[in-house]
Amino acid sequence: MTAVYRASVFVAVLFAGACAAAEGAVESALSELAGRLLSQAGLSGKHTLAVMPFESRGSHGPEVGRGIAEYLVAMMQGNPSVDLVDRIEFSKVMEELALSQSGAIDESKALEAGKALAAEFLLLGSISDALGKGMVNARLIQAETGRIVSASSIPIDPGALTGFARELFAEKGQVTASLFRSMVIPGWGQFYTSHPVRGGISIAAFAAAGVVTGVFIGKAAGRGSDYEDFNESMKRQDDEAVFRESVCPTGCTQTEFNALKSAYSDSLFEAYEREKRKAVIFGGVTAGVWALNLVDAAIAGAQSRKAFKLYFGAHALTHYEAGVVYAF
């Protein structure tokens, strides 16, 4: 049972981990891209940076470009040396420059917006198709001169990009997203909302309860089969004679034999009932663990949604194709 339990936990963790890794592939790639840009620029001290929506080309919809810009902004917000500049002011400037409905921002217009906001640098980019991959291209431009101070590109699976944008603006951070995943595989929702320890506990607890339940179900099935086989065998004279010889080696009356036969049948049935009760009890425990896993997944989803809405909920890109200005 220990070997089966360990194997079950290993497979469940491996699967949930793979799902979480797949969902975080875009985030990891974009983090690497941002790191390259800032590293190549070699900037020191604090500088203001305006992040513009990325231009979507080829098969990519405009929401992909907005999604990439939103993620880059959110990632930079976690930098302790970054201070957020009023985004409402940025939206006003974009509207004044007639850019509020534009999915792609011309570089000259972006430079004009940057100067109006007193931003020292602009982060611009695009998403295009290249050899079956989605290529994310980004460049850091000095707003005053238009000089490119750093540029980098990174390939990302097109399907992953589309899913990333869809989750960013529709699903990511919702309670139902983590709840559904943990409903399918206990712990998956916790991994999805970046709570790996809680996810691991849910997987391990569910696997342990499930394995024990499975063991008792197997034992109950075996005891039930023994009970049925014995009663069937007593209908055959040869088998009854063998059993009689085993329980009455020195001989016994028919009444005594019937009493022994009935007692043995009852003992088999009682053994079956004991194992069945254990299976029912641990089945209930397994269901309880699954239910607690769903409650925890809902809590994890709510916590994730709260953190998510601090930025995206209050400033979602639905009316303006706006960027965000940061000082870093």
C-alpha atoms as a PDB file:
ATOM      1  CA  MET A   1       0.000   0.000   0.000  1.00  0.00           C
ATOM      2  CA  THR A   2       2.871   2.368   0.762  1.00  0.00           C
ATOM      3  CA  ALA A   3       4.348   1.867  -2.696  1.00  0.00           C
ATOM      4  CA  VAL A   4       0.988   2.496  -4.351  1.00  0.00           C
ATOM      5  CA  TYR A   5       0.448   5.592  -2.238  1.00  0.00           C
ATOM      6  CA  ARG A   6       3.848   7.019  -3.102  1.00  0.00           C
ATOM      7  CA  ALA A   7       3.311   6.311  -6.775  1.00  0.00           C
ATOM      8  CA  SER A   8      -0.117   7.994  -6.673  1.00  0.00           C
ATOM      9  CA  VAL A   9       1.232  11.095  -4.969  1.00  0.00           C
ATOM     10  CA  PHE A  10       4.167  11.268  -7.371  1.00  0.00           C
ATOM     11  CA  VAL A  11       1.957  11.040 -10.461  1.00  0.00           C
ATOM     12  CA  ALA A  12      -0.539  13.581  -9.110  1.00  0.00           C
ATOM     13  CA  VAL A  13       2.174  16.083  -8.145  1.00  0.00           C
ATOM     14  CA  LEU A  14       3.924  15.555 -11.464  1.00  0.00           C
ATOM     15  CA  PHE A  15       0.730  16.210 -13.417  1.00  0.00           C
ATOM     16  CA  ALA A  16      -0.298  19.254 -11.401  1.00  0.00           C
ATOM     17  CA  GLY A  17       3.233  20.593 -11.578  1.00  0.00           C
ATOM     18  CA  ALA A  18       3.278  20.122 -15.350  1.00  0.00           C
ATOM     19  CA  CYS A  19      -0.018  21.990 -15.683  1.00  0.00           C
ATOM     20  CA  ALA A  20       1.268  24.828 -13.538  1.00  0.00           C
ATOM     21  CA  ALA A  21       4.532  24.953 -15.488  1.00  0.00           C
ATOM     22  CA  ALA A  22       2.673  25.137 -18.781  1.00  0.00           C
ATOM     23  CA  GLU A  23       0.529  27.981 -17.522  1.00  0.00           C
ATOM     24  CA  GLY A  24       3.605  29.879 -16.282  1.00  0.00           C
ATOM     25  CA  ALA A  25       5.639  29.488 -19.485  1.00  0.00           C
ATOM     26  CA  VAL A  26       4.570  32.871 -20.905  1.00  0.00           C
ATOM     27  CA  GLU A  27       5.175  34.668 -17.613  1.00  0.00           C
ATOM     28  CA  SER A  28       8.679  33.198 -17.364  1.00  0.00           C
ATOM     29  CA  ALA A  29       9.500  34.183 -20.939  1.00  0.00           C
ATOM     30  CA  LEU A  30       8.260  37.752 -20.461  1.00  0.00           C
ATOM     31  CA  SER A  31      10.182  38.076 -17.200  1.00  0.00           C
ATOM     32  CA  GLU A  32      13.319  36.971 -19.027  1.00  0.00           C
ATOM     33  CA  LEU A  33      12.620  39.479 -21.805  1.00  0.00           C
ATOM     34  CA  ALA A  34      12.198  42.362 -19.370  1.00  0.00           C
ATOM     35  CA  GLY A  35      15.367  41.360 -17.557  1.00  0.00           C
ATOM     36  CA  ARG A  36      17.340  41.431 -20.804  1.00  0.00           C
ATOM     37  CA  LEU A  37      16.051  44.902 -21.725  1.00  0.00           C
ATOM     38  CA  LEU A  38      16.907  46.476 -18.394  1.00  0.00           C
ATOM     39  CA  SER A  39      20.254  44.710 -18.227  1.00  0.00           C
ATOM     40  CA  GLN A  40      21.284  45.807 -21.721  1.00  0.00           C
ATOM     41  CA  ALA A  41      20.211  49.403 -21.044  1.00  0.00           C
ATOM     42  CA  GLY A  42      22.635  49.603 -18.115  1.00  0.00           C
ATOM     43  CA  LEU A  43      20.585  52.311 -16.404  1.00  0.00           C
ATOM     44  CA  SER A  44      21.458  53.498 -12.930  1.00  0.00           C
ATOM     45  CA  GLY A  45      19.367  55.428 -10.465  1.00  0.00           C
ATOM     46  CA  LYS A  46      15.687  56.100 -11.027  1.00  0.00           C
ATOM     47  CA  HIS A  47      14.169  56.801 -14.415  1.00  0.00           C
ATOM     48  CA  THR A  48      10.581  57.153 -15.543  1.00  0.00           C
ATOM     49  CA  LEU A  49       9.355  54.524 -17.972  1.00  0.00           C
ATOM     50  CA  ALA A  50       6.171  54.507 -20.047  1.00  0.00           C
ATOM     51  CA  VAL A  51       4.985  51.039 -21.069  1.00  0.00           C
ATOM     52  CA  MET A  52       2.890  51.025 -24.255  1.00  0.00           C
ATOM     53  CA  PRO A  53       0.498  48.331 -25.488  1.00  0.00           C
ATOM     54  CA  PHE A  54       2.382  45.963 -27.781  1.00  0.00           C
ATOM     55  CA  GLU A  55       1.380  45.827 -31.452  1.00  0.00           C
ATOM     56  CA  SER A  56      -0.231  42.525 -32.460  1.00  0.00           C
ATOM     57  CA  ARG A  57       0.669  41.281 -35.919  1.00  0.00           C
ATOM     58  CA  GLY A  58      -0.078  38.158 -37.911  1.00  0.00           C
ATOM     59  CA  SER A  59      -2.488  35.749 -36.233  1.00  0.00           C
ATOM     60  CA  HIS A  60      -2.452  37.482 -32.855  1.00  0.00           C
ATOM     61  CA  GLY A  61      -5.423  39.535 -31.703  1.00  0.00           C
ATOM     62  CA  PRO A  62      -5.038  42.969 -30.079  1.00  0.00           C
ATOM     63  CA  GLU A  63      -5.749  41.487 -26.639  1.00  0.00           C
ATOM     64  CA  VAL A  64      -2.405  39.637 -26.811  1.00  0.00           C
ATOM     65  CA  GLY A  65      -0.481  42.901 -27.150  1.00  0.00           C
ATOM     66  CA  ARG A  66      -2.434  44.504 -24.330  1.00  0.00           C
ATOM     67  CA  GLY A  67      -1.927  41.428 -22.190  1.00  0.00           C
ATOM     68  CA  ILE A  68       1.838  41.450 -22.634  1.00  0.00           C
ATOM     69  CA  ALA A  69       2.032  45.138 -21.731  1.00  0.00           C
ATOM     70  CA  GLU A  70      -0.156  44.584 -18.679  1.00  0.00           C
ATOM     71  CA  TYR A  71       2.005  41.731 -17.457  1.00  0.00           C
ATOM     72  CA  LEU A  72       5.247  43.667 -17.963  1.00  0.00           C
ATOM     73  CA  VAL A  73       3.806  46.568 -15.982  1.00  0.00           C
ATOM     74  CA  ALA A  74       2.621  44.308 -13.173  1.00  0.00           C
ATOM     75  CA  MET A  75       6.003  42.589 -13.053  1.00  0.00           C
ATOM     76  CA  MET A  76       7.874  45.912 -12.808  1.00  0.00           C
ATOM     77  CA  GLN A  77       5.519  46.997 -10.079  1.00  0.00           C
ATOM     78  CA  GLY A  78       7.019  44.301  -7.881  1.00  0.00           C
ATOM     79  CA  ASN A  79      10.443  45.919  -8.135  1.00  0.00           C
ATOM     80  CA  PRO A  80      11.184  47.799  -4.881  1.00  0.00           C
ATOM     81  CA  SER A  81      12.891  50.590  -6.841  1.00  0.00           C
ATOM     82  CA  VAL A  82       9.799  51.217  -8.989  1.00  0.00           C
ATOM     83  CA  ASP A  83       7.276  53.941  -8.157  1.00  0.00           C
ATOM     84  CA  LEU A  84       3.940  54.087  -9.941  1.00  0.00           C
ATOM     85  CA  VAL A  85       3.106  57.347 -11.693  1.00  0.00           C
ATOM     86  CA  ASP A  86      -0.545  58.411 -12.000  1.00  0.00           C
ATOM     87  CA  ARG A  87      -2.075  56.294 -14.731  1.00  0.00           C
ATOM     88  CA  ILE A  88      -5.117  58.533 -15.163  1.00  0.00           C
ATOM     89  CA  GLU A  89      -2.827  61.256 -16.448  1.00  0.00           C
ATOM     90  CA  PHE A  90      -1.444  58.822 -18.991  1.00  0.00           C
ATOM     91  CA  SER A  91      -4.946  58.011 -20.233  1.00  0.00           C
ATOM     92  CA  LYS A  92      -5.701  61.710 -20.632  1.00  0.00           C
ATOM     93  CA  VAL A  93      -2.579  62.218 -22.723  1.00  0.00           C
ATOM     94  CA  MET A  94      -3.410  59.203 -24.890  1.00  0.00           C
ATOM     95  CA  GLU A  95      -6.904  60.581 -25.471  1.00  0.00           C
ATOM     96  CA  GLU A  96      -5.592  64.017 -26.340  1.00  0.00           C
ATOM     97  CA  LEU A  97      -3.288  62.436 -28.914  1.00  0.00           C
ATOM     98  CA  ALA A  98      -6.229  60.472 -30.395  1.00  0.00           C
ATOM     99  CA  LEU A  99      -4.696  57.148 -29.420  1.00  0.00           C
ATOM    100  CA  SER A 100      -7.471  55.893 -27.162  1.00  0.00           C
ATOM    101  CA  GLN A 101      -8.959  53.568 -29.793  1.00  0.00           C
ATOM    102  CA  SER A 102      -5.722  52.474 -31.464  1.00  0.00           C
ATOM    103  CA  GLY A 103      -4.478  48.933 -30.948  1.00  0.00           C
ATOM    104  CA  ALA A 104      -1.055  49.801 -32.335  1.00  0.00           C
ATOM    105  CA  ILE A 105       0.721  53.013 -31.317  1.00  0.00           C
ATOM    106  CA  ASP A 106       2.975  54.702 -33.847  1.00  0.00           C
ATOM    107  CA  GLU A 107       6.476  55.254 -32.490  1.00  0.00           C
ATOM    108  CA  SER A 108       6.400  58.992 -33.181  1.00  0.00           C
ATOM    109  CA  LYS A 109       3.108  59.279 -31.303  1.00  0.00           C
ATOM    110  CA  ALA A 110       4.506  57.195 -28.471  1.00  0.00           C
ATOM    111  CA  LEU A 111       7.510  59.508 -28.218  1.00  0.00           C
ATOM    112  CA  GLU A 112       5.162  62.467 -28.173  1.00  0.00           C
ATOM    113  CA  ALA A 113       3.158  60.887 -25.381  1.00  0.00           C
ATOM    114  CA  GLY A 114       6.319  60.114 -23.476  1.00  0.00           C
ATOM    115  CA  LYS A 115       7.476  63.706 -23.633  1.00  0.00           C
ATOM    116  CA  ALA A 116       4.061  64.960 -22.522  1.00  0.00           C
ATOM    117  CA  LEU A 117       4.331  62.702 -19.487  1.00  0.00           C
ATOM    118  CA  ALA A 118       7.959  63.638 -18.826  1.00  0.00           C
ATOM    119  CA  ALA A 119       8.904  59.977 -19.241  1.00  0.00           C
ATOM    120  CA  GLU A 120      12.588  59.405 -19.891  1.00  0.00           C
ATOM    121  CA  PHE A 121      12.158  56.010 -21.552  1.00  0.00           C
ATOM    122  CA  LEU A 122       9.465  54.146 -23.480  1.00  0.00           C
ATOM    123  CA  LEU A 123       8.979  50.406 -23.642  1.00  0.00           C
ATOM    124  CA  LEU A 124       7.490  49.470 -27.012  1.00  0.00           C
ATOM    125  CA  GLY A 125       7.053  46.122 -28.679  1.00  0.00           C
ATOM    126  CA  SER A 126       5.169  43.835 -31.015  1.00  0.00           C
ATOM    127  CA  ILE A 127       4.067  40.220 -31.383  1.00  0.00           C
ATOM    128  CA  SER A 128       4.531  38.512 -34.731  1.00  0.00           C
ATOM    129  CA  ASP A 129       4.663  35.017 -36.237  1.00  0.00           C
ATOM    130  CA  ALA A 130       8.006  33.412 -37.046  1.00  0.00           C
ATOM    131  CA  LEU A 131       8.594  29.761 -37.973  1.00  0.00           C
ATOM    132  CA  GLY A 132       5.491  28.554 -36.168  1.00  0.00           C
ATOM    133  CA  LYS A 133       6.316  30.496 -33.034  1.00  0.00           C
ATOM    134  CA  GLY A 134       4.996  33.717 -31.609  1.00  0.00           C
ATOM    135  CA  MET A 135       7.900  36.163 -31.494  1.00  0.00           C
ATOM    136  CA  VAL A 136       7.682  38.866 -28.845  1.00  0.00           C
ATOM    137  CA  ASN A 137       9.895  41.805 -29.774  1.00  0.00           C
ATOM    138  CA  ALA A 138      10.587  44.647 -27.357  1.00  0.00           C
ATOM    139  CA  ARG A 139      12.743  47.747 -27.340  1.00  0.00           C
ATOM    140  CA  LEU A 140      13.561  50.420 -24.784  1.00  0.00           C
ATOM    141  CA  ILE A 141      13.685  53.877 -26.333  1.00  0.00           C
ATOM    142  CA  GLN A 142      14.944  57.178 -24.958  1.00  0.00           C
ATOM    143  CA  ALA A 143      11.925  59.474 -25.178  1.00  0.00           C
ATOM    144  CA  GLU A 144      13.883  62.689 -25.763  1.00  0.00           C
ATOM    145  CA  THR A 145      16.030  61.474 -28.661  1.00  0.00           C
ATOM    146  CA  GLY A 146      14.230  58.371 -29.954  1.00  0.00           C
ATOM    147  CA  ARG A 147      17.436  56.372 -29.558  1.00  0.00           C
ATOM    148  CA  ILE A 148      17.031  52.648 -28.908  1.00  0.00           C
ATOM    149  CA  VAL A 149      18.979  51.853 -25.755  1.00  0.00           C
ATOM    150  CA  SER A 150      18.172  48.126 -25.697  1.00  0.00           C
ATOM    151  CA  ALA A 151      16.212  45.591 -27.717  1.00  0.00           C
ATOM    152  CA  SER A 152      15.445  41.905 -27.372  1.00  0.00           C
ATOM    153  CA  SER A 153      13.136  39.178 -28.697  1.00  0.00           C
ATOM    154  CA  ILE A 154      11.916  35.883 -27.325  1.00  0.00           C
ATOM    155  CA  PRO A 155       9.872  33.066 -28.942  1.00  0.00           C
ATOM    156  CA  ILE A 156       6.694  31.855 -27.242  1.00  0.00           C
ATOM    157  CA  ASP A 157       4.161  29.262 -28.323  1.00  0.00           C
ATOM    158  CA  PRO A 158       1.270  31.070 -30.105  1.00  0.00           C
ATOM    159  CA  GLY A 159      -1.368  29.013 -28.333  1.00  0.00           C
ATOM    160  CA  ALA A 160       0.193  29.831 -24.975  1.00  0.00           C
ATOM    161  CA  LEU A 161       0.129  33.545 -25.832  1.00  0.00           C
ATOM    162  CA  THR A 162      -3.556  33.438 -26.725  1.00  0.00           C
ATOM    163  CA  GLY A 163      -4.397  31.469 -23.582  1.00  0.00           C
ATOM    164  CA  PHE A 164      -2.319  33.878 -21.516  1.00  0.00           C
ATOM    165  CA  ALA A 165      -4.245  36.905 -22.789  1.00  0.00           C
ATOM    166  CA  ARG A 166      -7.592  35.155 -22.358  1.00  0.00           C
ATOM    167  CA  GLU A 167      -6.829  34.236 -18.765  1.00  0.00           C
ATOM    168  CA  LEU A 168      -5.367  37.667 -18.021  1.00  0.00           C
ATOM    169  CA  PHE A 169      -8.489  39.561 -19.019  1.00  0.00           C
ATOM    170  CA  ALA A 170     -11.179  36.981 -18.330  1.00  0.00           C
ATOM    171  CA  GLU A 171     -10.246  34.015 -16.149  1.00  0.00           C
ATOM    172  CA  LYS A 172      -7.032  34.615 -14.230  1.00  0.00           C
ATOM    173  CA  GLY A 173      -7.670  35.302 -10.568  1.00  0.00           C
ATOM    174  CA  GLN A 174     -11.272  34.170 -10.615  1.00  0.00           C
ATOM    175  CA  VAL A 175     -12.442  31.747  -7.955  1.00  0.00           C
ATOM    176  CA  THR A 176     -14.044  29.509 -10.584  1.00  0.00           C
ATOM    177  CA  ALA A 177     -10.702  29.046 -12.343  1.00  0.00           C
ATOM    178  CA  SER A 178      -8.944  27.518  -9.336  1.00  0.00           C
ATOM    179  CA  LEU A 179     -12.127  25.783  -8.176  1.00  0.00           C
ATOM    180  CA  PHE A 180     -12.610  23.962 -11.467  1.00  0.00           C
ATOM    181  CA  ARG A 181      -8.991  22.813 -11.578  1.00  0.00           C
ATOM    182  CA  SER A 182      -9.093  21.427  -8.038  1.00  0.00           C
ATOM    183  CA  MET A 183     -12.387  19.765  -8.833  1.00  0.00           C
ATOM    184  CA  VAL A 184     -10.656  17.841 -11.628  1.00  0.00           C
ATOM    185  CA  ILE A 185      -7.398  17.182  -9.764  1.00  0.00           C
ATOM    186  CA  PRO A 186      -7.159  18.062  -6.048  1.00  0.00           C
ATOM    187  CA  GLY A 187      -4.407  20.624  -5.503  1.00  0.00           C
ATOM    188  CA  TRP A 188      -4.250  21.803  -9.124  1.00  0.00           C
ATOM    189  CA  GLY A 189      -6.155  25.001  -8.342  1.00  0.00           C
ATOM    190  CA  GLN A 190      -3.734  25.815  -5.536  1.00  0.00           C
ATOM    191  CA  PHE A 191      -0.775  25.316  -7.878  1.00  0.00           C
ATOM    192  CA  TYR A 192      -2.544  27.510 -10.440  1.00  0.00           C
ATOM    193  CA  THR A 193      -2.913  30.358  -7.950  1.00  0.00           C
ATOM    194  CA  SER A 194       0.726  30.059  -6.840  1.00  0.00           C
ATOM    195  CA  HIS A 195       0.124  28.162  -3.582  1.00  0.00           C
ATOM    196  CA  PRO A 196       2.306  25.077  -4.185  1.00  0.00           C
ATOM    197  CA  VAL A 197       2.560  24.023  -0.535  1.00  0.00           C
ATOM    198  CA  ARG A 198      -1.198  23.980  -0.106  1.00  0.00           C
ATOM    199  CA  GLY A 199      -1.541  22.233  -3.436  1.00  0.00           C
ATOM    200  CA  GLY A 200       0.949  19.576  -2.412  1.00  0.00           C
ATOM    201  CA  ILE A 201      -0.869  18.994   0.879  1.00  0.00           C
ATOM    202  CA  SER A 202      -4.193  18.611  -0.951  1.00  0.00           C
ATOM    203  CA  ILE A 203      -2.739  16.133  -3.430  1.00  0.00           C
ATOM    204  CA  ALA A 204      -0.987  14.088  -0.738  1.00  0.00           C
ATOM    205  CA  ALA A 205      -4.029  13.992   1.565  1.00  0.00           C
ATOM    206  CA  PHE A 206      -6.410  13.035  -1.242  1.00  0.00           C
ATOM    207  CA  ALA A 207      -4.026  10.403  -2.585  1.00  0.00           C
ATOM    208  CA  ALA A 208      -3.524   8.906   0.892  1.00  0.00           C
ATOM    209  CA  ALA A 209      -7.254   8.740   1.629  1.00  0.00           C
ATOM    210  CA  GLY A 210      -7.969   7.432  -1.854  1.00  0.00           C
ATOM    211  CA  VAL A 211      -5.370   4.687  -1.642  1.00  0.00           C
ATOM    212  CA  VAL A 212      -6.618   3.514   1.766  1.00  0.00           C
ATOM    213  CA  THR A 213     -10.192   3.578   0.492  1.00  0.00           C
ATOM    214  CA  GLY A 214      -9.156   1.569  -2.544  1.00  0.00           C
ATOM    215  CA  VAL A 215      -7.423  -1.007  -0.351  1.00  0.00           C
ATOM    216  CA  PHE A 216     -10.520  -1.536   1.786  1.00  0.00           C
ATOM    217  CA  ILE A 217     -12.760  -1.668  -1.274  1.00  0.00           C
ATOM    218  CA  GLY A 218     -10.511  -4.414  -2.617  1.00  0.00           C
ATOM    219  CA  LYS A 219     -10.615  -6.293   0.673  1.00  0.00           C
ATOM    220  CA  ALA A 220     -14.408  -5.971   0.883  1.00  0.00           C
ATOM    221  CA  ALA A 221     -14.744  -7.289  -2.649  1.00  0.00           C
ATOM    222  CA  GLY A 222     -12.520 -10.240  -1.735  1.00  0.00           C
ATOM    223  CA  ARG A 223     -14.480 -11.055   1.425  1.00  0.00           C
ATOM    224  CA  GLY A 224     -17.759 -10.790  -0.460  1.00  0.00           C
ATOM    225  CA  SER A 225     -16.444 -13.150  -3.113  1.00  0.00           C
ATOM    226  CA  ASP A 226     -15.384 -15.647  -0.412  1.00  0.00           C
ATOM    227  CA  TYR A 227     -18.881 -15.525   1.108  1.00  0.00           C
ATOM    228  CA  GLU A 228     -20.620 -16.102  -2.218  1.00  0.00           C
ATOM    229  CA  ASP A 229     -18.192 -18.846  -3.291  1.00  0.00           C
ATOM    230  CA  PHE A 230     -18.673 -20.721  -0.032  1.00  0.00           C
ATOM    231  CA  ASN A 231     -22.473 -20.662  -0.252  1.00  0.00           C
ATOM    232  CA  GLU A 232     -22.311 -21.776  -3.859  1.00  0.00           C
ATOM    233  CA  SER A 233     -19.896 -24.593  -3.009  1.00  0.00           C
ATOM    234  CA  MET A 234     -22.264 -25.912  -0.323  1.00  0.00           C
ATOM    235  CA  LYS A 235     -24.783 -26.603  -3.068  1.00  0.00           C
ATOM    236  CA  ARG A 236     -22.381 -29.164  -4.540  1.00  0.00           C
ATOM    237  CA  GLN A 237     -22.209 -32.507  -2.738  1.00  0.00           C
ATOM    238  CA  ASP A 238     -18.488 -33.033  -3.309  1.00  0.00           C
ATOM    239  CA  ASP A 239     -17.551 -29.652  -1.908  1.00  0.00           C
ATOM    240  CA  GLU A 240     -19.922 -30.064   1.011  1.00  0.00           C
ATOM    241  CA  ALA A 241     -18.376 -33.426   1.815  1.00  0.00           C
ATOM    242  CA  VAL A 242     -14.875 -31.921   1.820  1.00  0.00           C
ATOM    243  CA  PHE A 243     -15.989 -29.107   4.125  1.00  0.00           C
ATOM    244  CA  ARG A 244     -17.780 -31.586   6.411  1.00  0.00           C
ATOM    245  CA  GLU A 245     -14.624 -33.636   6.746  1.00  0.00           C
ATOM    246  CA  SER A 246     -12.606 -30.525   7.613  1.00  0.00           C
ATOM    247  CA  VAL A 247     -14.953 -29.341  10.365  1.00  0.00           C
ATOM    248  CA  CYS A 248     -16.075 -32.765  11.612  1.00  0.00           C
ATOM    249  CA  PRO A 249     -13.015 -34.982  11.327  1.00  0.00           C
ATOM    250  CA  THR A 250     -14.426 -37.423  13.931  1.00  0.00           C
ATOM    251  CA  GLY A 251     -17.968 -37.181  12.640  1.00  0.00           C
ATOM    252  CA  CYS A 252     -21.030 -35.125  13.666  1.00  0.00           C
ATOM    253  CA  THR A 253     -24.759 -35.136  13.256  1.00  0.00           C
ATOM    254  CA  GLN A 254     -26.451 -33.273  10.391  1.00  0.00           C
ATOM    255  CA  THR A 255     -27.786 -30.729  12.843  1.00  0.00           C
ATOM    256  CA  GLU A 256     -24.293 -30.076  14.202  1.00  0.00           C
ATOM    257  CA  PHE A 257     -22.874 -29.858  10.698  1.00  0.00           C
ATOM    258  CA  ASN A 258     -25.558 -27.398   9.604  1.00  0.00           C
ATOM    259  CA  ALA A 259     -24.786 -25.255  12.649  1.00  0.00           C
ATOM    260  CA  LEU A 260     -21.043 -25.268  11.811  1.00  0.00           C
ATOM    261  CA  LYS A 261     -21.735 -24.511   8.172  1.00  0.00           C
ATOM    262  CA  SER A 262     -24.022 -21.624   9.098  1.00  0.00           C
ATOM    263  CA  ALA A 263     -21.501 -20.250  11.595  1.00  0.00           C
ATOM    264  CA  TYR A 264     -18.720 -20.307   9.012  1.00  0.00           C
ATOM    265  CA  SER A 265     -20.944 -18.594   6.431  1.00  0.00           C
ATOM    266  CA  ASP A 266     -21.865 -15.944   8.985  1.00  0.00           C
ATOM    267  CA  SER A 267     -18.185 -15.357   9.815  1.00  0.00           C
ATOM    268  CA  LEU A 268     -17.427 -14.788   6.120  1.00  0.00           C
ATOM    269  CA  PHE A 269     -20.322 -12.361   5.822  1.00  0.00           C
ATOM    270  CA  GLU A 270     -19.218 -10.477   8.957  1.00  0.00           C
ATOM    271  CA  ALA A 271     -15.697 -10.175   7.543  1.00  0.00           C
ATOM    272  CA  TYR A 272     -17.190  -8.736   4.349  1.00  0.00           C
ATOM    273  CA  GLU A 273     -19.298  -6.259   6.323  1.00  0.00           C
ATOM    274  CA  ARG A 274     -16.283  -5.109   8.374  1.00  0.00           C
ATOM    275  CA  GLU A 275     -14.231  -4.349   5.268  1.00  0.00           C
ATOM    276  CA  LYS A 276     -17.213  -2.686   3.598  1.00  0.00           C
ATOM    277  CA  ARG A 277     -17.732  -0.410   6.607  1.00  0.00           C
ATOM    278  CA  LYS A 278     -14.068   0.567   6.529  1.00  0.00           C
ATOM    279  CA  ALA A 279     -14.317   1.297   2.798  1.00  0.00           C
ATOM    280  CA  VAL A 280     -17.401   3.474   3.396  1.00  0.00           C
ATOM    281  CA  ILE A 281     -15.700   5.343   6.246  1.00  0.00           C
ATOM    282  CA  PHE A 282     -12.537   6.046   4.286  1.00  0.00           C
ATOM    283  CA  GLY A 283     -14.623   6.836   1.218  1.00  0.00           C
ATOM    284  CA  GLY A 284     -16.279   9.520   3.314  1.00  0.00           C
ATOM    285  CA  VAL A 285     -12.854  10.721   4.461  1.00  0.00           C
ATOM    286  CA  THR A 286     -11.720  10.896   0.832  1.00  0.00           C
ATOM    287  CA  ALA A 287     -14.826  12.868  -0.091  1.00  0.00           C
ATOM    288  CA  GLY A 288     -14.208  15.160   2.870  1.00  0.00           C
ATOM    289  CA  VAL A 289     -10.607  15.760   1.815  1.00  0.00           C
ATOM    290  CA  TRP A 290     -11.809  16.513  -1.713  1.00  0.00           C
ATOM    291  CA  ALA A 291     -14.405  18.960  -0.348  1.00  0.00           C
ATOM    292  CA  LEU A 292     -11.827  20.683   1.879  1.00  0.00           C
ATOM    293  CA  ASN A 293      -9.535  20.876  -1.139  1.00  0.00           C
ATOM    294  CA  LEU A 294     -12.299  22.722  -3.015  1.00  0.00           C
ATOM    295  CA  VAL A 295     -12.819  25.122  -0.122  1.00  0.00           C
ATOM    296  CA  ASP A 296      -9.089  25.822   0.000  1.00  0.00           C
ATOM    297  CA  ALA A 297      -8.987  26.244  -3.791  1.00  0.00           C
ATOM    298  CA  ALA A 298     -11.813  28.772  -3.561  1.00  0.00           C
ATOM    299  CA  ILE A 299      -9.945  30.659  -0.836  1.00  0.00           C
ATOM    300  CA  ALA A 300      -6.738  30.569  -2.880  1.00  0.00           C
ATOM    301  CA  GLY A 301      -8.657  31.824  -5.902  1.00  0.00           C
ATOM    302  CA  ALA A 302     -10.214  34.643  -3.880  1.00  0.00           C
ATOM    303  CA  GLN A 303      -6.809  35.642  -2.520  1.00  0.00           C
ATOM    304  CA  SER A 304      -5.355  35.575  -6.015  1.00  0.00           C
ATOM    305  CA  ARG A 305      -8.287  37.554  -7.367  1.00  0.00           C
ATOM    306  CA  LYS A 306      -7.845  40.191  -4.683  1.00  0.00           C
ATOM    307  CA  ALA A 307      -4.190  40.640  -5.563  1.00  0.00           C
ATOM    308  CA  PHE A 308      -5.043  40.543  -9.253  1.00  0.00           C
ATOM    309  CA  LYS A 309      -7.761  43.199  -9.011  1.00  0.00           C
ATOM    310  CA  LEU A 310      -5.491  45.630  -7.188  1.00  0.00           C
ATOM    311  CA  TYR A 311      -4.065  46.399 -10.604  1.00  0.00           C
ATOM    312  CA  PHE A 312      -6.111  44.901 -13.409  1.00  0.00           C
ATOM    313  CA  GLY A 313      -9.531  45.285 -11.835  1.00  0.00           C
ATOM    314  CA  ALA A 314      -9.138  48.977 -11.147  1.00  0.00           C
ATOM    315  CA  HIS A 315      -7.312  49.824 -14.364  1.00  0.00           C
ATOM    316  CA  ALA A 316      -8.356  47.256 -16.960  1.00  0.00           C
ATOM    317  CA  LEU A 317      -7.611  48.133 -20.584  1.00  0.00           C
ATOM    318  CA  THR A 318     -11.182  48.126 -21.802  1.00  0.00           C
ATOM    319  CA  HIS A 319     -11.854  51.724 -22.822  1.00  0.00           C
ATOM    320  CA  TYR A 320      -8.428  53.129 -23.524  1.00  0.00           C
ATOM    321  CA  GLU A 321      -5.594  51.402 -25.291  1.00  0.00           C
ATOM    322  CA  ALA A 322      -3.451  52.948 -22.590  1.00  0.00           C
ATOM    323  CA  GLY A 323      -0.029  52.306 -21.195  1.00  0.00           C
ATOM    324  CA  VAL A 324       1.350  52.912 -17.730  1.00  0.00           C
ATOM    325  CA  VAL A 325       4.142  55.127 -16.528  1.00  0.00           C
ATOM    326  CA  TYR A 326       6.617  53.928 -13.935  1.00  0.00           C
ATOM    327  CA  ALA A 327       9.732  55.260 -12.329  1.00  0.00           C
ATOM    328  CA  PHE A 328      12.413  52.634 -11.800  1.00  0.00           C
END
